[in-house]
Amino acid sequence: MSIKYLVTGASGQLGAKAIDALLARVPASDIGALVRRPEAAAPLEAKGVTVRIASYDDEAALEAAFAGVERLLLVSSSEVGKRAAQHGNVIKAAKAAGVGFVAYTSILRADTSPLTVLPPEHKATEDALAASGLSYVLLRNGWYTENYAMGAKGAVENGGMIGTIGEGRVSSASRDDYAEAAAIVLTGDLPASGAVYELAGDDSYTLPEFAAALTELSGKEVTYTNLPAAEYKAALTGFGLPEPVADMLADSETGASQGGLQSDDKTLSTLLGRPTTPWKETLKAAL
């Protein structure tokens, strides 16, 4: 059975939103969703999309799942440290299955970013796509506003938030924005293979400004405390985060203090044909 558009990681936070963004643009019969667990299929099938099952670790299952797929949205794996190998499996399977086009969700300025944990695996994936012979584009997503908004309630309850970003600015956008952009690229006239979209929010903020917005929205004072990177990482592990996640977050904020999460590029809002979702709006919804 042929499928015009297929989204990997379709039960995840970004993938699920990409499915919804596609449903707003094309018939459900044109859409496929790839999930790794059979129990994740039902909610997607209820939306009328075709569900296929395969893990990023199983190249043979991926190749079978990609049969008849014209255009693929490769949503990056959530398993930091395993991504390059997993994405390599997806790329080889897509090539073997005859997929016509791949859009990959990379990271902002993957080739020049001062972040050191996240970009290398994304760059390795970009290089694998370039070497594959597949037609592809890179959707270099900036930070999701939800990365900070998800901790908003706790920050209000505790009266404070911590970080190691200093006065670094974050040009974030909502997951909905990035998902809609992916759907627009996937369903539109295909750009030249290798095209790069640097995607980020129209507006930026510092974490002190973020804390001030929390104070304004909640009516309770929320302060921001800047910590050395090692202390911040230790605090995160103390809160129960796995060490690799704590390391990634500390590194991301260290890179952000050097401009790694800020961008004045308006490619995202240009693609959307509207301004990106204001970060305070996402924050208000989270509260």
C-alpha atoms as a PDB file:
ATOM      1  CA  MET A   1       0.000   0.000   0.000  1.00  0.00           C
ATOM      2  CA  SER A   2       1.414   3.364  -0.992  1.00  0.00           C
ATOM      3  CA  ILE A   3       1.502   6.289   1.445  1.00  0.00           C
ATOM      4  CA  LYS A   4       2.266   9.796   0.286  1.00  0.00           C
ATOM      5  CA  TYR A   5       3.491  11.150   3.642  1.00  0.00           C
ATOM      6  CA  LEU A   6       4.872   9.218   6.602  1.00  0.00           C
ATOM      7  CA  VAL A   7       5.958  10.626   9.970  1.00  0.00           C
ATOM      8  CA  THR A   8       8.358   8.720  12.203  1.00  0.00           C
ATOM      9  CA  GLY A   9       8.095   8.978  15.985  1.00  0.00           C
ATOM     10  CA  ALA A  10       4.426   9.711  15.427  1.00  0.00           C
ATOM     11  CA  SER A  11       3.361   9.091  19.025  1.00  0.00           C
ATOM     12  CA  GLY A  12       5.998  11.479  20.397  1.00  0.00           C
ATOM     13  CA  GLN A  13       5.553  15.116  21.304  1.00  0.00           C
ATOM     14  CA  LEU A  14       6.630  16.588  17.957  1.00  0.00           C
ATOM     15  CA  GLY A  15       5.597  13.662  15.760  1.00  0.00           C
ATOM     16  CA  ALA A  16       2.008  13.647  17.052  1.00  0.00           C
ATOM     17  CA  LYS A  17       1.708  17.358  16.326  1.00  0.00           C
ATOM     18  CA  ALA A  18       3.149  16.827  12.843  1.00  0.00           C
ATOM     19  CA  ILE A  19       0.408  14.263  12.173  1.00  0.00           C
ATOM     20  CA  ASP A  20      -2.224  16.805  13.239  1.00  0.00           C
ATOM     21  CA  ALA A  21      -0.611  19.485  11.077  1.00  0.00           C
ATOM     22  CA  LEU A  22      -0.715  17.136   8.079  1.00  0.00           C
ATOM     23  CA  LEU A  23      -4.358  16.260   8.778  1.00  0.00           C
ATOM     24  CA  ALA A  24      -5.159  19.975   8.517  1.00  0.00           C
ATOM     25  CA  ARG A  25      -3.668  20.040   5.013  1.00  0.00           C
ATOM     26  CA  VAL A  26      -4.195  16.670   3.289  1.00  0.00           C
ATOM     27  CA  PRO A  27      -6.611  13.709   3.509  1.00  0.00           C
ATOM     28  CA  ALA A  28      -5.971  11.182   6.285  1.00  0.00           C
ATOM     29  CA  SER A  29      -5.705   8.481   3.614  1.00  0.00           C
ATOM     30  CA  ASP A  30      -2.466  10.131   2.403  1.00  0.00           C
ATOM     31  CA  ILE A  31      -0.822  10.007   5.829  1.00  0.00           C
ATOM     32  CA  GLY A  32       1.185   7.286   7.542  1.00  0.00           C
ATOM     33  CA  ALA A  33       2.452   7.167  11.113  1.00  0.00           C
ATOM     34  CA  LEU A  34       5.432   5.132  12.282  1.00  0.00           C
ATOM     35  CA  VAL A  35       5.489   4.049  15.935  1.00  0.00           C
ATOM     36  CA  ARG A  36       7.676   1.539  17.725  1.00  0.00           C
ATOM     37  CA  ARG A  37       5.042   0.123  20.080  1.00  0.00           C
ATOM     38  CA  PRO A  38       1.830  -1.551  18.834  1.00  0.00           C
ATOM     39  CA  GLU A  39      -0.125  -0.068  21.755  1.00  0.00           C
ATOM     40  CA  ALA A  40       0.593   3.438  20.374  1.00  0.00           C
ATOM     41  CA  ALA A  41      -1.294   2.677  17.164  1.00  0.00           C
ATOM     42  CA  ALA A  42      -4.925   3.009  18.285  1.00  0.00           C
ATOM     43  CA  PRO A  43      -5.077   6.794  18.883  1.00  0.00           C
ATOM     44  CA  LEU A  44      -3.496   7.403  15.489  1.00  0.00           C
ATOM     45  CA  GLU A  45      -5.706   4.898  13.687  1.00  0.00           C
ATOM     46  CA  ALA A  46      -8.706   6.671  15.248  1.00  0.00           C
ATOM     47  CA  LYS A  47      -7.647   9.744  13.260  1.00  0.00           C
ATOM     48  CA  GLY A  48      -7.801   7.730  10.049  1.00  0.00           C
ATOM     49  CA  VAL A  49      -4.085   7.518   9.321  1.00  0.00           C
ATOM     50  CA  THR A  50      -2.225   4.333   8.394  1.00  0.00           C
ATOM     51  CA  VAL A  51       0.009   3.060  11.187  1.00  0.00           C
ATOM     52  CA  ARG A  52       3.153   1.042  10.682  1.00  0.00           C
ATOM     53  CA  ILE A  53       5.278  -0.470  13.436  1.00  0.00           C
ATOM     54  CA  ALA A  54       9.079  -0.375  13.571  1.00  0.00           C
ATOM     55  CA  SER A  55      11.861   0.648  15.922  1.00  0.00           C
ATOM     56  CA  TYR A  56      14.718   2.911  14.866  1.00  0.00           C
ATOM     57  CA  ASP A  57      16.961   0.027  15.944  1.00  0.00           C
ATOM     58  CA  ASP A  58      15.478  -2.465  13.444  1.00  0.00           C
ATOM     59  CA  GLU A  59      16.588  -1.662   9.900  1.00  0.00           C
ATOM     60  CA  ALA A  60      14.676  -4.554   8.312  1.00  0.00           C
ATOM     61  CA  ALA A  61      11.412  -3.571  10.003  1.00  0.00           C
ATOM     62  CA  LEU A  62      11.985   0.041   8.964  1.00  0.00           C
ATOM     63  CA  GLU A  63      12.492  -0.956   5.344  1.00  0.00           C
ATOM     64  CA  ALA A  64       9.211  -2.890   5.395  1.00  0.00           C
ATOM     65  CA  ALA A  65       7.439   0.052   7.045  1.00  0.00           C
ATOM     66  CA  PHE A  66       8.725   2.463   4.383  1.00  0.00           C
ATOM     67  CA  ALA A  67       7.408   0.415   1.456  1.00  0.00           C
ATOM     68  CA  GLY A  68       5.376   2.660  -0.847  1.00  0.00           C
ATOM     69  CA  VAL A  69       6.240   5.867   1.039  1.00  0.00           C
ATOM     70  CA  GLU A  70       6.790   8.935  -1.143  1.00  0.00           C
ATOM     71  CA  ARG A  71       7.811  11.566   1.416  1.00  0.00           C
ATOM     72  CA  LEU A  72       9.206  10.891   4.896  1.00  0.00           C
ATOM     73  CA  LEU A  73       9.456  13.164   7.915  1.00  0.00           C
ATOM     74  CA  LEU A  74      12.305  11.797  10.034  1.00  0.00           C
ATOM     75  CA  VAL A  75      11.659  13.096  13.547  1.00  0.00           C
ATOM     76  CA  SER A  76      14.890  12.788  15.480  1.00  0.00           C
ATOM     77  CA  SER A  77      15.089  10.060  18.098  1.00  0.00           C
ATOM     78  CA  SER A  78      14.704  10.933  21.767  1.00  0.00           C
ATOM     79  CA  GLU A  79      17.570   8.624  22.761  1.00  0.00           C
ATOM     80  CA  VAL A  80      20.528  10.984  23.040  1.00  0.00           C
ATOM     81  CA  GLY A  81      23.726   9.013  22.447  1.00  0.00           C
ATOM     82  CA  LYS A  82      22.028   6.502  20.156  1.00  0.00           C
ATOM     83  CA  ARG A  83      20.650   8.929  17.593  1.00  0.00           C
ATOM     84  CA  ALA A  84      23.363   8.757  14.933  1.00  0.00           C
ATOM     85  CA  ALA A  85      23.127   4.962  14.643  1.00  0.00           C
ATOM     86  CA  GLN A  86      19.314   4.961  14.814  1.00  0.00           C
ATOM     87  CA  HIS A  87      18.975   7.680  12.189  1.00  0.00           C
ATOM     88  CA  GLY A  88      21.490   5.829  10.044  1.00  0.00           C
ATOM     89  CA  ASN A  89      19.181   2.811  10.117  1.00  0.00           C
ATOM     90  CA  VAL A  90      16.252   4.997   9.030  1.00  0.00           C
ATOM     91  CA  ILE A  91      18.244   6.501   6.169  1.00  0.00           C
ATOM     92  CA  LYS A  92      19.488   3.135   4.890  1.00  0.00           C
ATOM     93  CA  ALA A  93      15.985   1.673   5.109  1.00  0.00           C
ATOM     94  CA  ALA A  94      14.475   4.671   3.317  1.00  0.00           C
ATOM     95  CA  LYS A  95      17.038   4.319   0.541  1.00  0.00           C
ATOM     96  CA  ALA A  96      16.367   0.582   0.205  1.00  0.00           C
ATOM     97  CA  ALA A  97      12.593   1.104   0.184  1.00  0.00           C
ATOM     98  CA  GLY A  98      12.760   3.740  -2.530  1.00  0.00           C
ATOM     99  CA  VAL A  99      11.486   6.676  -0.471  1.00  0.00           C
ATOM    100  CA  GLY A 100      11.446   9.748  -2.693  1.00  0.00           C
ATOM    101  CA  PHE A 101      12.157  12.520  -0.188  1.00  0.00           C
ATOM    102  CA  VAL A 102      13.225  12.911   3.458  1.00  0.00           C
ATOM    103  CA  ALA A 103      12.823  15.931   5.741  1.00  0.00           C
ATOM    104  CA  TYR A 104      14.895  15.652   8.918  1.00  0.00           C
ATOM    105  CA  THR A 105      14.364  17.549  12.184  1.00  0.00           C
ATOM    106  CA  SER A 106      17.876  18.658  13.098  1.00  0.00           C
ATOM    107  CA  ILE A 107      19.016  21.419  15.489  1.00  0.00           C
ATOM    108  CA  LEU A 108      19.631  25.130  14.942  1.00  0.00           C
ATOM    109  CA  ARG A 109      22.976  25.740  13.202  1.00  0.00           C
ATOM    110  CA  ALA A 110      24.033  22.114  13.681  1.00  0.00           C
ATOM    111  CA  ASP A 111      27.322  22.734  11.893  1.00  0.00           C
ATOM    112  CA  THR A 112      28.432  25.779  13.919  1.00  0.00           C
ATOM    113  CA  SER A 113      26.549  25.540  17.235  1.00  0.00           C
ATOM    114  CA  PRO A 114      28.499  26.137  20.480  1.00  0.00           C
ATOM    115  CA  LEU A 115      26.413  23.367  22.096  1.00  0.00           C
ATOM    116  CA  THR A 116      28.501  20.203  22.321  1.00  0.00           C
ATOM    117  CA  VAL A 117      26.099  17.377  23.314  1.00  0.00           C
ATOM    118  CA  LEU A 118      23.164  17.638  20.899  1.00  0.00           C
ATOM    119  CA  PRO A 119      24.601  18.950  17.591  1.00  0.00           C
ATOM    120  CA  PRO A 120      27.180  16.214  16.786  1.00  0.00           C
ATOM    121  CA  GLU A 121      24.555  13.472  16.350  1.00  0.00           C
ATOM    122  CA  HIS A 122      22.395  15.786  14.283  1.00  0.00           C
ATOM    123  CA  LYS A 123      25.383  16.723  12.105  1.00  0.00           C
ATOM    124  CA  ALA A 124      26.247  13.033  11.687  1.00  0.00           C
ATOM    125  CA  THR A 125      22.686  12.452  10.476  1.00  0.00           C
ATOM    126  CA  GLU A 126      22.895  15.398   8.100  1.00  0.00           C
ATOM    127  CA  ASP A 127      26.136  13.977   6.680  1.00  0.00           C
ATOM    128  CA  ALA A 128      24.558  10.523   6.306  1.00  0.00           C
ATOM    129  CA  LEU A 129      21.658  12.043   4.380  1.00  0.00           C
ATOM    130  CA  ALA A 130      24.055  13.941   2.113  1.00  0.00           C
ATOM    131  CA  ALA A 131      25.962  10.724   1.393  1.00  0.00           C
ATOM    132  CA  SER A 132      22.835   8.608   0.852  1.00  0.00           C
ATOM    133  CA  GLY A 133      21.785   9.866  -2.549  1.00  0.00           C
ATOM    134  CA  LEU A 134      18.286  10.511  -1.203  1.00  0.00           C
ATOM    135  CA  SER A 135      16.521  13.791  -1.910  1.00  0.00           C
ATOM    136  CA  TYR A 136      16.347  15.558   1.454  1.00  0.00           C
ATOM    137  CA  VAL A 137      16.017  18.826   3.365  1.00  0.00           C
ATOM    138  CA  LEU A 138      17.125  19.819   6.861  1.00  0.00           C
ATOM    139  CA  LEU A 139      14.673  21.369   9.288  1.00  0.00           C
ATOM    140  CA  ARG A 140      17.055  22.791  11.874  1.00  0.00           C
ATOM    141  CA  ASN A 141      14.683  23.371  14.767  1.00  0.00           C
ATOM    142  CA  GLY A 142      15.575  25.821  17.490  1.00  0.00           C
ATOM    143  CA  TRP A 143      14.513  25.441  21.115  1.00  0.00           C
ATOM    144  CA  TYR A 144      10.932  24.521  21.984  1.00  0.00           C
ATOM    145  CA  THR A 145       9.288  27.018  24.352  1.00  0.00           C
ATOM    146  CA  GLU A 146       7.808  23.981  26.098  1.00  0.00           C
ATOM    147  CA  ASN A 147      11.321  22.987  27.208  1.00  0.00           C
ATOM    148  CA  TYR A 148      11.046  25.774  29.776  1.00  0.00           C
ATOM    149  CA  ALA A 149       7.275  26.116  30.040  1.00  0.00           C
ATOM    150  CA  MET A 150       6.944  22.519  31.270  1.00  0.00           C
ATOM    151  CA  GLY A 151       8.667  23.587  34.488  1.00  0.00           C
ATOM    152  CA  ALA A 152       6.580  26.718  34.936  1.00  0.00           C
ATOM    153  CA  LYS A 153       4.197  25.389  37.585  1.00  0.00           C
ATOM    154  CA  GLY A 154       7.037  24.029  39.683  1.00  0.00           C
ATOM    155  CA  ALA A 155       8.926  27.324  39.409  1.00  0.00           C
ATOM    156  CA  VAL A 156       5.866  29.214  40.638  1.00  0.00           C
ATOM    157  CA  GLU A 157       5.336  26.765  43.501  1.00  0.00           C
ATOM    158  CA  ASN A 158       8.987  27.008  44.528  1.00  0.00           C
ATOM    159  CA  GLY A 159       9.280  30.744  43.912  1.00  0.00           C
ATOM    160  CA  GLY A 160      12.321  30.320  41.727  1.00  0.00           C
ATOM    161  CA  MET A 161      14.087  28.667  38.815  1.00  0.00           C
ATOM    162  CA  ILE A 162      17.727  27.836  38.184  1.00  0.00           C
ATOM    163  CA  GLY A 163      19.960  27.607  35.147  1.00  0.00           C
ATOM    164  CA  THR A 164      23.439  28.244  33.813  1.00  0.00           C
ATOM    165  CA  ILE A 165      22.522  30.395  30.814  1.00  0.00           C
ATOM    166  CA  GLY A 166      23.525  33.762  32.288  1.00  0.00           C
ATOM    167  CA  GLU A 167      22.205  36.527  30.036  1.00  0.00           C
ATOM    168  CA  GLY A 168      22.062  34.243  26.993  1.00  0.00           C
ATOM    169  CA  ARG A 169      18.929  34.678  24.922  1.00  0.00           C
ATOM    170  CA  VAL A 170      16.603  31.925  23.649  1.00  0.00           C
ATOM    171  CA  SER A 171      14.685  32.349  20.378  1.00  0.00           C
ATOM    172  CA  SER A 172      12.155  29.596  20.987  1.00  0.00           C
ATOM    173  CA  ALA A 173       8.907  28.699  19.274  1.00  0.00           C
ATOM    174  CA  SER A 174       6.140  26.268  20.149  1.00  0.00           C
ATOM    175  CA  ARG A 175       6.146  22.628  19.061  1.00  0.00           C
ATOM    176  CA  ASP A 176       2.995  23.422  17.100  1.00  0.00           C
ATOM    177  CA  ASP A 177       4.971  25.978  15.084  1.00  0.00           C
ATOM    178  CA  TYR A 178       7.755  23.539  14.216  1.00  0.00           C
ATOM    179  CA  ALA A 179       5.256  20.757  13.433  1.00  0.00           C
ATOM    180  CA  GLU A 180       3.267  23.020  11.115  1.00  0.00           C
ATOM    181  CA  ALA A 181       6.436  24.097   9.333  1.00  0.00           C
ATOM    182  CA  ALA A 182       7.399  20.454   8.789  1.00  0.00           C
ATOM    183  CA  ALA A 183       3.964  19.716   7.325  1.00  0.00           C
ATOM    184  CA  ILE A 184       4.237  22.724   5.018  1.00  0.00           C
ATOM    185  CA  VAL A 185       7.627  21.611   3.693  1.00  0.00           C
ATOM    186  CA  LEU A 186       6.540  17.978   3.376  1.00  0.00           C
ATOM    187  CA  THR A 187       3.378  18.737   1.403  1.00  0.00           C
ATOM    188  CA  GLY A 188       4.634  21.648  -0.719  1.00  0.00           C
ATOM    189  CA  ASP A 189       6.709  21.912  -3.876  1.00  0.00           C
ATOM    190  CA  LEU A 190       9.941  20.175  -2.982  1.00  0.00           C
ATOM    191  CA  PRO A 191      12.977  22.430  -2.583  1.00  0.00           C
ATOM    192  CA  ALA A 192      16.393  21.539  -3.970  1.00  0.00           C
ATOM    193  CA  SER A 193      17.905  18.540  -2.231  1.00  0.00           C
ATOM    194  CA  GLY A 194      20.126  19.583   0.657  1.00  0.00           C
ATOM    195  CA  ALA A 195      18.174  22.760   1.390  1.00  0.00           C
ATOM    196  CA  VAL A 196      18.607  23.975   4.974  1.00  0.00           C
ATOM    197  CA  TYR A 197      15.921  25.729   6.998  1.00  0.00           C
ATOM    198  CA  GLU A 198      17.229  27.464  10.139  1.00  0.00           C
ATOM    199  CA  LEU A 199      14.075  27.640  12.274  1.00  0.00           C
ATOM    200  CA  ALA A 200      13.582  29.723  15.415  1.00  0.00           C
ATOM    201  CA  GLY A 201      11.043  31.958  17.144  1.00  0.00           C
ATOM    202  CA  ASP A 202      10.577  35.568  16.160  1.00  0.00           C
ATOM    203  CA  ASP A 203      11.237  36.809  19.702  1.00  0.00           C
ATOM    204  CA  SER A 204      13.853  35.898  22.288  1.00  0.00           C
ATOM    205  CA  TYR A 205      14.165  36.070  26.073  1.00  0.00           C
ATOM    206  CA  THR A 206      16.649  35.579  28.869  1.00  0.00           C
ATOM    207  CA  LEU A 207      15.779  33.322  31.792  1.00  0.00           C
ATOM    208  CA  PRO A 208      15.604  36.338  34.128  1.00  0.00           C
ATOM    209  CA  GLU A 209      12.990  37.726  31.723  1.00  0.00           C
ATOM    210  CA  PHE A 210      11.255  34.356  31.722  1.00  0.00           C
ATOM    211  CA  ALA A 211      11.114  34.392  35.533  1.00  0.00           C
ATOM    212  CA  ALA A 212       9.751  37.943  35.451  1.00  0.00           C
ATOM    213  CA  ALA A 213       7.005  36.794  33.073  1.00  0.00           C
ATOM    214  CA  LEU A 214       6.159  33.948  35.461  1.00  0.00           C
ATOM    215  CA  THR A 215       5.864  36.500  38.263  1.00  0.00           C
ATOM    216  CA  GLU A 216       3.588  38.669  36.121  1.00  0.00           C
ATOM    217  CA  LEU A 217       1.363  35.804  34.972  1.00  0.00           C
ATOM    218  CA  SER A 218       1.066  33.997  38.299  1.00  0.00           C
ATOM    219  CA  GLY A 219       1.013  36.916  40.722  1.00  0.00           C
ATOM    220  CA  LYS A 220       3.708  35.127  42.763  1.00  0.00           C
ATOM    221  CA  GLU A 221       7.312  36.251  42.760  1.00  0.00           C
ATOM    222  CA  VAL A 222       9.596  33.930  40.810  1.00  0.00           C
ATOM    223  CA  THR A 223      13.338  34.565  40.836  1.00  0.00           C
ATOM    224  CA  TYR A 224      16.072  33.211  38.576  1.00  0.00           C
ATOM    225  CA  THR A 225      19.358  31.966  40.049  1.00  0.00           C
ATOM    226  CA  ASN A 226      22.313  31.451  37.739  1.00  0.00           C
ATOM    227  CA  LEU A 227      24.655  28.615  38.700  1.00  0.00           C
ATOM    228  CA  PRO A 228      28.020  27.378  37.392  1.00  0.00           C
ATOM    229  CA  ALA A 229      27.430  24.573  34.882  1.00  0.00           C
ATOM    230  CA  ALA A 230      28.706  21.824  37.204  1.00  0.00           C
ATOM    231  CA  GLU A 231      26.448  22.980  40.042  1.00  0.00           C
ATOM    232  CA  TYR A 232      23.464  23.200  37.701  1.00  0.00           C
ATOM    233  CA  LYS A 233      24.061  19.674  36.433  1.00  0.00           C
ATOM    234  CA  ALA A 234      24.427  18.404  40.021  1.00  0.00           C
ATOM    235  CA  ALA A 235      21.151  20.098  40.968  1.00  0.00           C
ATOM    236  CA  LEU A 236      19.358  18.453  38.031  1.00  0.00           C
ATOM    237  CA  THR A 237      20.616  15.000  38.950  1.00  0.00           C
ATOM    238  CA  GLY A 238      19.597  15.778  42.532  1.00  0.00           C
ATOM    239  CA  PHE A 239      16.082  16.386  41.247  1.00  0.00           C
ATOM    240  CA  GLY A 240      16.133  12.860  39.801  1.00  0.00           C
ATOM    241  CA  LEU A 241      17.058  13.500  36.174  1.00  0.00           C
ATOM    242  CA  PRO A 242      19.290  10.837  34.575  1.00  0.00           C
ATOM    243  CA  GLU A 243      22.887  12.025  34.273  1.00  0.00           C
ATOM    244  CA  PRO A 244      22.911  12.087  30.424  1.00  0.00           C
ATOM    245  CA  VAL A 245      19.795  14.297  30.425  1.00  0.00           C
ATOM    246  CA  ALA A 246      21.259  16.603  33.079  1.00  0.00           C
ATOM    247  CA  ASP A 247      24.492  16.802  31.082  1.00  0.00           C
ATOM    248  CA  MET A 248      22.583  17.643  27.899  1.00  0.00           C
ATOM    249  CA  LEU A 249      20.555  20.393  29.602  1.00  0.00           C
ATOM    250  CA  ALA A 250      23.605  21.921  31.281  1.00  0.00           C
ATOM    251  CA  ASP A 251      25.533  21.838  28.016  1.00  0.00           C
ATOM    252  CA  SER A 252      22.606  23.371  26.106  1.00  0.00           C
ATOM    253  CA  GLU A 253      22.398  26.287  28.520  1.00  0.00           C
ATOM    254  CA  THR A 254      26.161  26.761  28.466  1.00  0.00           C
ATOM    255  CA  GLY A 255      25.951  26.899  24.670  1.00  0.00           C
ATOM    256  CA  ALA A 256      22.992  29.264  24.920  1.00  0.00           C
ATOM    257  CA  SER A 257      25.086  31.617  27.056  1.00  0.00           C
ATOM    258  CA  GLN A 258      27.323  31.848  23.958  1.00  0.00           C
ATOM    259  CA  GLY A 259      24.410  32.584  21.605  1.00  0.00           C
ATOM    260  CA  GLY A 260      23.673  28.989  20.622  1.00  0.00           C
ATOM    261  CA  LEU A 261      19.889  29.217  21.046  1.00  0.00           C
ATOM    262  CA  GLN A 262      19.388  32.752  19.713  1.00  0.00           C
ATOM    263  CA  SER A 263      18.556  33.555  16.110  1.00  0.00           C
ATOM    264  CA  ASP A 264      17.277  36.563  14.206  1.00  0.00           C
ATOM    265  CA  ASP A 265      16.391  34.345  11.234  1.00  0.00           C
ATOM    266  CA  LYS A 266      12.710  34.647  10.343  1.00  0.00           C
ATOM    267  CA  THR A 267      12.576  31.532   8.155  1.00  0.00           C
ATOM    268  CA  LEU A 268      10.076  29.841  10.493  1.00  0.00           C
ATOM    269  CA  SER A 269       7.527  32.667  10.470  1.00  0.00           C
ATOM    270  CA  THR A 270       8.067  33.073   6.718  1.00  0.00           C
ATOM    271  CA  LEU A 271       7.258  29.393   6.179  1.00  0.00           C
ATOM    272  CA  LEU A 272       4.213  29.639   8.451  1.00  0.00           C
ATOM    273  CA  GLY A 273       2.967  32.828   6.824  1.00  0.00           C
ATOM    274  CA  ARG A 274       2.358  34.247  10.313  1.00  0.00           C
ATOM    275  CA  PRO A 275       4.354  35.244  13.389  1.00  0.00           C
ATOM    276  CA  THR A 276       5.607  32.401  15.562  1.00  0.00           C
ATOM    277  CA  THR A 277       3.623  31.718  18.731  1.00  0.00           C
ATOM    278  CA  PRO A 278       4.670  34.275  21.385  1.00  0.00           C
ATOM    279  CA  TRP A 279       6.603  32.561  24.168  1.00  0.00           C
ATOM    280  CA  LYS A 280       4.489  34.251  26.835  1.00  0.00           C
ATOM    281  CA  GLU A 281       1.388  32.704  25.229  1.00  0.00           C
ATOM    282  CA  THR A 282       2.860  29.206  25.570  1.00  0.00           C
ATOM    283  CA  LEU A 283       3.888  30.034  29.128  1.00  0.00           C
ATOM    284  CA  LYS A 284       0.406  31.265  30.007  1.00  0.00           C
ATOM    285  CA  ALA A 285      -1.122  28.044  28.639  1.00  0.00           C
ATOM    286  CA  ALA A 286       1.324  25.963  30.686  1.00  0.00           C
ATOM    287  CA  LEU A 287       0.198  27.718  33.853  1.00  0.00           C
END
